[in-house]
Amino acid sequence: MMRHLINKHYDTPGGLLGHPTNVSSHPKPPVSKEDETMEYIQKSKIKTLVKNEGFRLSPESFDGINRAVEGLIKNMLIEVKADGMKTLMNQHTGTPQAKQESNGSCKKCCNIKPEFLRFAKSTQEYCHEQAVILSRKVG
């Protein structure tokens, strides 16, 4: 009882300031599937980017930008599934990969020791030779 005398904004047995907590004076309208779209963008960052590029932004454009981002992500997930993976990685985004320092042997084989490259190449050549031999015996 003392608590209610100190600050009358605390919950009382009947709810906040004596109003019942389980009754809503304004029932919410049913939400349609279209209204359930999730926000994927941060509007302030979009505004800053557009303004820094020297353009203006209509408030109505945020819905279209949000839908474009959603579509972009879904297309990336199609790529992930096509690769037989469950993790969205940089390779699925379509952005250029960061260049790594090469040891001079091959631009595709960055940060790989030359000994391993020699071993891999000789193993690949051996497997190819064995495949050719077996295909001649079968055919």
N, C-alpha and C. Protein backbone atom coordinates (compact mmCIF):
# COMPACT_ATOMS: atom_id res chain seq x y z
N MET A 1 0.82 -1.18 0.00
CA MET A 1 0.00 0.00 0.00
C MET A 1 0.86 1.25 0.00
N MET A 2 1.96 1.20 0.70
CA MET A 2 2.87 2.35 0.78
C MET A 2 3.44 2.67 -0.60
N ARG A 3 3.67 1.62 -1.39
CA ARG A 3 4.24 1.81 -2.72
C ARG A 3 3.34 2.68 -3.59
N HIS A 4 2.03 2.54 -3.49
CA HIS A 4 1.10 3.30 -4.31
C HIS A 4 1.04 4.76 -3.90
N LEU A 5 1.36 5.04 -2.68
CA LEU A 5 1.34 6.42 -2.22
C LEU A 5 2.57 7.17 -2.69
N ILE A 6 3.69 6.45 -2.83
CA ILE A 6 4.95 7.09 -3.24
C ILE A 6 4.91 7.44 -4.72
N ASN A 7 4.54 6.46 -5.54
CA ASN A 7 4.50 6.70 -6.99
C ASN A 7 3.27 6.01 -7.54
N LYS A 8 2.29 6.76 -7.93
CA LYS A 8 1.04 6.17 -8.38
C LYS A 8 1.11 5.57 -9.77
N HIS A 9 2.29 5.59 -10.43
CA HIS A 9 2.42 5.02 -11.77
C HIS A 9 2.77 3.54 -11.74
N TYR A 10 3.06 2.98 -10.56
CA TYR A 10 3.32 1.55 -10.47
C TYR A 10 2.06 0.78 -10.76
N ASP A 11 2.23 -0.48 -11.13
CA ASP A 11 1.06 -1.32 -11.36
C ASP A 11 0.29 -1.52 -10.07
N THR A 12 -0.99 -1.40 -10.16
CA THR A 12 -1.87 -1.66 -9.02
C THR A 12 -2.53 -3.00 -9.26
N PRO A 13 -3.24 -3.54 -8.30
CA PRO A 13 -3.88 -4.83 -8.52
C PRO A 13 -4.75 -4.87 -9.76
N GLY A 14 -5.31 -3.78 -10.17
CA GLY A 14 -6.16 -3.75 -11.36
C GLY A 14 -5.41 -3.43 -12.62
N GLY A 15 -4.11 -3.26 -12.56
CA GLY A 15 -3.32 -2.91 -13.73
C GLY A 15 -2.71 -1.53 -13.54
N LEU A 16 -2.18 -0.95 -14.57
CA LEU A 16 -1.55 0.36 -14.51
C LEU A 16 -2.60 1.41 -14.16
N LEU A 17 -2.40 2.08 -13.05
CA LEU A 17 -3.30 3.12 -12.57
C LEU A 17 -4.75 2.64 -12.43
N GLY A 18 -4.89 1.37 -12.07
CA GLY A 18 -6.21 0.84 -11.81
C GLY A 18 -6.94 0.33 -13.03
N HIS A 19 -6.37 0.44 -14.25
CA HIS A 19 -7.03 -0.06 -15.45
C HIS A 19 -6.77 -1.55 -15.57
N PRO A 20 -7.76 -2.31 -15.95
CA PRO A 20 -7.55 -3.75 -16.09
C PRO A 20 -6.51 -4.04 -17.17
N THR A 21 -5.64 -5.02 -16.93
CA THR A 21 -4.56 -5.30 -17.86
C THR A 21 -4.96 -6.25 -18.96
N ASN A 22 -6.00 -7.05 -18.77
CA ASN A 22 -6.33 -8.05 -19.78
C ASN A 22 -7.40 -7.58 -20.76
N VAL A 23 -7.86 -6.37 -20.64
CA VAL A 23 -8.88 -5.85 -21.54
C VAL A 23 -8.27 -4.72 -22.37
N SER A 24 -8.41 -4.81 -23.66
CA SER A 24 -7.89 -3.77 -24.55
C SER A 24 -9.03 -2.86 -24.97
N SER A 25 -8.84 -1.56 -24.76
CA SER A 25 -9.89 -0.62 -25.15
C SER A 25 -9.91 -0.40 -26.67
N HIS A 26 -8.78 -0.68 -27.32
CA HIS A 26 -8.68 -0.52 -28.77
C HIS A 26 -8.20 -1.83 -29.38
N PRO A 27 -9.10 -2.68 -29.83
CA PRO A 27 -8.65 -3.95 -30.41
C PRO A 27 -7.87 -3.69 -31.69
N LYS A 28 -6.82 -4.50 -31.90
CA LYS A 28 -5.98 -4.35 -33.09
C LYS A 28 -6.67 -4.99 -34.28
N PRO A 29 -6.62 -4.32 -35.45
CA PRO A 29 -7.22 -4.92 -36.64
C PRO A 29 -6.38 -6.11 -37.09
N PRO A 30 -6.98 -7.06 -37.79
CA PRO A 30 -6.19 -8.20 -38.26
C PRO A 30 -5.10 -7.73 -39.22
N VAL A 31 -3.95 -8.35 -39.12
CA VAL A 31 -2.80 -7.97 -39.93
C VAL A 31 -2.78 -8.84 -41.18
N SER A 32 -2.70 -8.21 -42.33
CA SER A 32 -2.64 -8.96 -43.58
C SER A 32 -1.21 -9.44 -43.81
N LYS A 33 -1.06 -10.39 -44.72
CA LYS A 33 0.25 -10.96 -45.03
C LYS A 33 1.19 -9.88 -45.58
N GLU A 34 0.65 -8.92 -46.33
CA GLU A 34 1.48 -7.86 -46.92
C GLU A 34 2.04 -6.93 -45.86
N ASP A 35 1.28 -6.75 -44.76
CA ASP A 35 1.74 -5.84 -43.71
C ASP A 35 2.79 -6.47 -42.81
N GLU A 36 3.02 -7.79 -42.95
CA GLU A 36 3.96 -8.48 -42.09
C GLU A 36 5.39 -8.44 -42.62
N THR A 37 5.68 -7.63 -43.63
CA THR A 37 7.03 -7.59 -44.18
C THR A 37 8.00 -7.10 -43.13
N MET A 38 9.13 -7.76 -43.07
CA MET A 38 10.15 -7.42 -42.10
C MET A 38 11.00 -6.27 -42.64
N GLU A 39 11.44 -5.41 -41.77
CA GLU A 39 12.31 -4.31 -42.17
C GLU A 39 13.75 -4.80 -42.21
N TYR A 40 14.38 -4.73 -43.37
CA TYR A 40 15.76 -5.18 -43.53
C TYR A 40 16.74 -4.01 -43.60
N ILE A 41 16.23 -2.82 -43.75
CA ILE A 41 17.11 -1.67 -43.94
C ILE A 41 17.05 -0.74 -42.74
N GLN A 42 18.12 0.02 -42.58
CA GLN A 42 18.15 1.06 -41.57
C GLN A 42 17.94 2.38 -42.31
N LYS A 43 16.79 2.97 -42.10
CA LYS A 43 16.37 4.13 -42.89
C LYS A 43 17.35 5.29 -42.78
N SER A 44 17.91 5.52 -41.61
CA SER A 44 18.83 6.65 -41.44
C SER A 44 20.09 6.46 -42.28
N LYS A 45 20.56 5.22 -42.39
CA LYS A 45 21.76 4.95 -43.19
C LYS A 45 21.47 5.13 -44.68
N ILE A 46 20.28 4.72 -45.10
CA ILE A 46 19.88 4.90 -46.50
C ILE A 46 19.79 6.39 -46.82
N LYS A 47 19.16 7.15 -45.92
CA LYS A 47 19.03 8.60 -46.12
C LYS A 47 20.40 9.24 -46.24
N THR A 48 21.33 8.86 -45.37
CA THR A 48 22.67 9.43 -45.39
C THR A 48 23.38 9.10 -46.69
N LEU A 49 23.29 7.85 -47.13
CA LEU A 49 23.94 7.43 -48.38
C LEU A 49 23.40 8.22 -49.56
N VAL A 50 22.09 8.33 -49.65
CA VAL A 50 21.47 9.04 -50.78
C VAL A 50 21.84 10.52 -50.75
N LYS A 51 21.80 11.11 -49.56
CA LYS A 51 22.14 12.53 -49.43
C LYS A 51 23.60 12.79 -49.78
N ASN A 52 24.50 11.89 -49.34
CA ASN A 52 25.93 12.05 -49.64
C ASN A 52 26.23 11.94 -51.12
N GLU A 53 25.36 11.23 -51.85
CA GLU A 53 25.53 11.11 -53.30
C GLU A 53 24.90 12.27 -54.04
N GLY A 54 24.26 13.20 -53.30
CA GLY A 54 23.69 14.39 -53.92
C GLY A 54 22.26 14.23 -54.39
N PHE A 55 21.54 13.26 -53.87
CA PHE A 55 20.17 13.02 -54.28
C PHE A 55 19.22 13.19 -53.10
N ARG A 56 17.94 13.21 -53.43
CA ARG A 56 16.90 13.27 -52.40
C ARG A 56 16.17 11.94 -52.38
N LEU A 57 15.44 11.69 -51.29
CA LEU A 57 14.79 10.40 -51.10
C LEU A 57 13.34 10.60 -50.71
N SER A 58 12.45 9.96 -51.43
CA SER A 58 11.03 10.01 -51.10
C SER A 58 10.74 9.02 -49.97
N PRO A 59 9.94 9.41 -48.99
CA PRO A 59 9.63 8.49 -47.89
C PRO A 59 8.94 7.20 -48.36
N GLU A 60 8.23 7.26 -49.47
CA GLU A 60 7.55 6.08 -49.99
C GLU A 60 8.53 5.07 -50.59
N SER A 61 9.76 5.48 -50.87
CA SER A 61 10.71 4.59 -51.52
C SER A 61 11.28 3.53 -50.58
N PHE A 62 11.12 3.71 -49.28
CA PHE A 62 11.70 2.75 -48.34
C PHE A 62 11.10 1.36 -48.50
N ASP A 63 9.81 1.28 -48.80
CA ASP A 63 9.19 -0.03 -48.98
C ASP A 63 9.80 -0.75 -50.18
N GLY A 64 10.00 -0.02 -51.28
CA GLY A 64 10.63 -0.62 -52.46
C GLY A 64 12.06 -1.04 -52.21
N ILE A 65 12.80 -0.21 -51.48
CA ILE A 65 14.19 -0.55 -51.15
C ILE A 65 14.22 -1.80 -50.28
N ASN A 66 13.32 -1.86 -49.32
CA ASN A 66 13.25 -3.01 -48.42
C ASN A 66 12.93 -4.28 -49.20
N ARG A 67 11.98 -4.19 -50.13
CA ARG A 67 11.62 -5.36 -50.94
C ARG A 67 12.78 -5.77 -51.86
N ALA A 68 13.52 -4.79 -52.37
CA ALA A 68 14.67 -5.11 -53.22
C ALA A 68 15.74 -5.84 -52.42
N VAL A 69 15.96 -5.41 -51.19
CA VAL A 69 16.95 -6.07 -50.33
C VAL A 69 16.49 -7.50 -50.03
N GLU A 70 15.21 -7.68 -49.76
CA GLU A 70 14.68 -9.02 -49.49
C GLU A 70 14.87 -9.93 -50.71
N GLY A 71 14.58 -9.41 -51.90
CA GLY A 71 14.77 -10.19 -53.12
C GLY A 71 16.22 -10.54 -53.37
N LEU A 72 17.11 -9.60 -53.08
CA LEU A 72 18.54 -9.84 -53.25
C LEU A 72 19.01 -10.97 -52.32
N ILE A 73 18.56 -10.92 -51.08
CA ILE A 73 18.95 -11.96 -50.12
C ILE A 73 18.40 -13.32 -50.54
N LYS A 74 17.14 -13.35 -51.00
CA LYS A 74 16.55 -14.62 -51.44
C LYS A 74 17.30 -15.19 -52.63
N ASN A 75 17.75 -14.34 -53.57
CA ASN A 75 18.54 -14.82 -54.71
C ASN A 75 19.88 -15.38 -54.25
N MET A 76 20.48 -14.75 -53.24
CA MET A 76 21.73 -15.28 -52.70
C MET A 76 21.51 -16.65 -52.07
N LEU A 77 20.38 -16.82 -51.40
CA LEU A 77 20.08 -18.11 -50.76
C LEU A 77 19.84 -19.20 -51.80
N ILE A 78 19.34 -18.83 -52.97
CA ILE A 78 19.21 -19.80 -54.06
C ILE A 78 20.59 -20.29 -54.48
N GLU A 79 21.55 -19.38 -54.55
CA GLU A 79 22.93 -19.75 -54.87
C GLU A 79 23.52 -20.67 -53.80
N VAL A 80 23.24 -20.37 -52.53
CA VAL A 80 23.73 -21.20 -51.43
C VAL A 80 23.19 -22.61 -51.58
N LYS A 81 21.88 -22.73 -51.85
CA LYS A 81 21.25 -24.04 -52.01
C LYS A 81 21.82 -24.78 -53.21
N ALA A 82 22.06 -24.05 -54.31
CA ALA A 82 22.63 -24.66 -55.52
C ALA A 82 24.02 -25.21 -55.26
N ASP A 83 24.76 -24.59 -54.33
CA ASP A 83 26.09 -25.07 -53.98
C ASP A 83 26.03 -26.20 -52.95
N GLY A 84 24.81 -26.58 -52.54
CA GLY A 84 24.67 -27.64 -51.55
C GLY A 84 25.11 -27.22 -50.16
N MET A 85 24.97 -25.96 -49.87
CA MET A 85 25.42 -25.44 -48.59
C MET A 85 24.24 -24.91 -47.79
N LYS A 86 24.50 -24.59 -46.53
CA LYS A 86 23.50 -23.99 -45.66
C LYS A 86 23.96 -22.64 -45.14
N THR A 87 25.17 -22.21 -45.49
CA THR A 87 25.75 -20.97 -44.98
C THR A 87 25.93 -19.98 -46.12
N LEU A 88 25.38 -18.79 -45.96
CA LEU A 88 25.58 -17.71 -46.92
C LEU A 88 26.98 -17.15 -46.71
N MET A 89 27.78 -17.21 -47.75
CA MET A 89 29.17 -16.76 -47.65
C MET A 89 29.43 -15.65 -48.66
N ASN A 90 30.59 -15.04 -48.55
CA ASN A 90 30.97 -13.94 -49.43
C ASN A 90 30.89 -14.33 -50.90
N GLN A 91 31.21 -15.57 -51.21
CA GLN A 91 31.18 -16.01 -52.60
C GLN A 91 29.78 -15.98 -53.20
N HIS A 92 28.74 -16.01 -52.35
CA HIS A 92 27.37 -15.99 -52.83
C HIS A 92 26.83 -14.57 -53.03
N THR A 93 27.54 -13.58 -52.54
CA THR A 93 27.04 -12.21 -52.62
C THR A 93 27.31 -11.55 -53.96
N GLY A 94 28.23 -12.09 -54.72
CA GLY A 94 28.56 -11.52 -56.02
C GLY A 94 29.55 -10.37 -55.93
N THR A 95 30.02 -10.06 -54.73
CA THR A 95 31.02 -9.00 -54.58
C THR A 95 32.39 -9.58 -54.87
N PRO A 96 33.31 -8.78 -55.39
CA PRO A 96 34.63 -9.29 -55.69
C PRO A 96 35.35 -9.73 -54.41
N GLN A 97 36.08 -10.82 -54.53
CA GLN A 97 36.83 -11.34 -53.39
C GLN A 97 38.01 -10.43 -53.09
N ALA A 98 38.35 -10.32 -51.82
CA ALA A 98 39.50 -9.52 -51.42
C ALA A 98 40.77 -10.21 -51.92
N LYS A 99 41.66 -9.43 -52.47
CA LYS A 99 42.90 -10.00 -52.99
C LYS A 99 43.84 -10.32 -51.84
N GLN A 100 44.47 -11.49 -51.95
CA GLN A 100 45.44 -11.92 -50.95
C GLN A 100 46.81 -11.88 -51.58
N GLU A 101 47.82 -11.80 -50.75
CA GLU A 101 49.18 -11.75 -51.27
C GLU A 101 49.58 -13.10 -51.84
N SER A 102 50.18 -13.08 -52.99
CA SER A 102 50.59 -14.30 -53.65
C SER A 102 52.07 -14.54 -53.42
N ASN A 103 52.45 -15.82 -53.42
CA ASN A 103 53.87 -16.14 -53.29
C ASN A 103 54.56 -16.17 -54.64
N GLY A 104 53.87 -15.72 -55.68
CA GLY A 104 54.47 -15.59 -57.00
C GLY A 104 54.26 -16.80 -57.89
N SER A 105 53.73 -17.90 -57.38
CA SER A 105 53.62 -19.09 -58.19
C SER A 105 52.37 -19.08 -59.08
N CYS A 106 51.24 -18.68 -58.50
CA CYS A 106 49.99 -18.74 -59.25
C CYS A 106 49.03 -17.74 -58.63
N LYS A 107 48.33 -17.00 -59.46
CA LYS A 107 47.41 -16.00 -58.92
C LYS A 107 46.17 -16.64 -58.28
N LYS A 108 45.81 -17.87 -58.71
CA LYS A 108 44.66 -18.55 -58.14
C LYS A 108 45.01 -19.21 -56.80
N CYS A 109 46.27 -19.47 -56.56
CA CYS A 109 46.69 -20.24 -55.39
C CYS A 109 47.36 -19.34 -54.35
N CYS A 110 46.66 -18.35 -53.90
CA CYS A 110 47.20 -17.41 -52.93
C CYS A 110 47.38 -18.08 -51.58
N ASN A 111 48.45 -17.74 -50.90
CA ASN A 111 48.73 -18.20 -49.54
C ASN A 111 48.82 -19.72 -49.41
N ILE A 112 49.18 -20.41 -50.48
CA ILE A 112 49.37 -21.86 -50.42
C ILE A 112 50.85 -22.13 -50.65
N LYS A 113 51.41 -22.97 -49.81
CA LYS A 113 52.85 -23.27 -49.92
C LYS A 113 53.16 -23.98 -51.23
N PRO A 114 54.29 -23.65 -51.85
CA PRO A 114 54.64 -24.27 -53.13
C PRO A 114 54.78 -25.78 -53.05
N GLU A 115 55.23 -26.32 -51.90
CA GLU A 115 55.37 -27.78 -51.76
C GLU A 115 54.01 -28.45 -51.92
N PHE A 116 52.98 -27.84 -51.33
CA PHE A 116 51.65 -28.42 -51.44
C PHE A 116 51.16 -28.36 -52.88
N LEU A 117 51.44 -27.26 -53.57
CA LEU A 117 51.01 -27.13 -54.96
C LEU A 117 51.67 -28.20 -55.84
N ARG A 118 52.96 -28.45 -55.61
CA ARG A 118 53.65 -29.49 -56.38
C ARG A 118 53.03 -30.86 -56.11
N PHE A 119 52.76 -31.16 -54.83
CA PHE A 119 52.17 -32.44 -54.46
C PHE A 119 50.78 -32.58 -55.09
N ALA A 120 49.97 -31.53 -55.04
CA ALA A 120 48.62 -31.58 -55.60
C ALA A 120 48.66 -31.78 -57.10
N LYS A 121 49.60 -31.11 -57.76
CA LYS A 121 49.70 -31.24 -59.22
C LYS A 121 50.13 -32.66 -59.61
N SER A 122 51.10 -33.22 -58.90
CA SER A 122 51.54 -34.58 -59.23
C SER A 122 50.43 -35.60 -58.93
N THR A 123 49.67 -35.39 -57.86
CA THR A 123 48.55 -36.29 -57.54
C THR A 123 47.48 -36.19 -58.61
N GLN A 124 47.21 -35.00 -59.07
CA GLN A 124 46.21 -34.80 -60.11
C GLN A 124 46.64 -35.49 -61.40
N GLU A 125 47.90 -35.36 -61.77
CA GLU A 125 48.41 -35.99 -62.99
C GLU A 125 48.34 -37.51 -62.88
N TYR A 126 48.68 -38.06 -61.71
CA TYR A 126 48.62 -39.50 -61.50
C TYR A 126 47.17 -39.99 -61.63
N CYS A 127 46.24 -39.30 -61.00
CA CYS A 127 44.83 -39.70 -61.07
C CYS A 127 44.32 -39.64 -62.50
N HIS A 128 44.74 -38.64 -63.25
CA HIS A 128 44.31 -38.52 -64.64
C HIS A 128 44.85 -39.70 -65.46
N GLU A 129 46.11 -40.03 -65.26
CA GLU A 129 46.71 -41.16 -65.97
C GLU A 129 45.97 -42.46 -65.65
N GLN A 130 45.66 -42.67 -64.37
CA GLN A 130 44.96 -43.90 -63.97
C GLN A 130 43.55 -43.94 -64.57
N ALA A 131 42.88 -42.82 -64.65
CA ALA A 131 41.55 -42.76 -65.24
C ALA A 131 41.61 -43.09 -66.72
N VAL A 132 42.61 -42.61 -67.42
CA VAL A 132 42.77 -42.90 -68.85
C VAL A 132 43.02 -44.40 -69.04
N ILE A 133 43.89 -44.97 -68.23
CA ILE A 133 44.20 -46.40 -68.33
C ILE A 133 42.95 -47.24 -68.09
N LEU A 134 42.20 -46.93 -67.04
CA LEU A 134 40.98 -47.68 -66.73
C LEU A 134 39.91 -47.54 -67.81
N SER A 135 39.80 -46.34 -68.38
CA SER A 135 38.79 -46.14 -69.42
C SER A 135 39.14 -46.93 -70.66
N ARG A 136 40.41 -47.12 -70.94
CA ARG A 136 40.83 -47.92 -72.12
C ARG A 136 40.54 -49.41 -71.88
N LYS A 137 40.71 -49.85 -70.62
CA LYS A 137 40.43 -51.26 -70.32
C LYS A 137 38.94 -51.54 -70.40
N VAL A 138 38.12 -50.60 -69.97
CA VAL A 138 36.67 -50.79 -69.98
C VAL A 138 36.14 -50.69 -71.40
N GLY A 139 36.61 -49.73 -72.13
CA GLY A 139 36.07 -49.43 -73.46
C GLY A 139 36.65 -50.20 -74.53
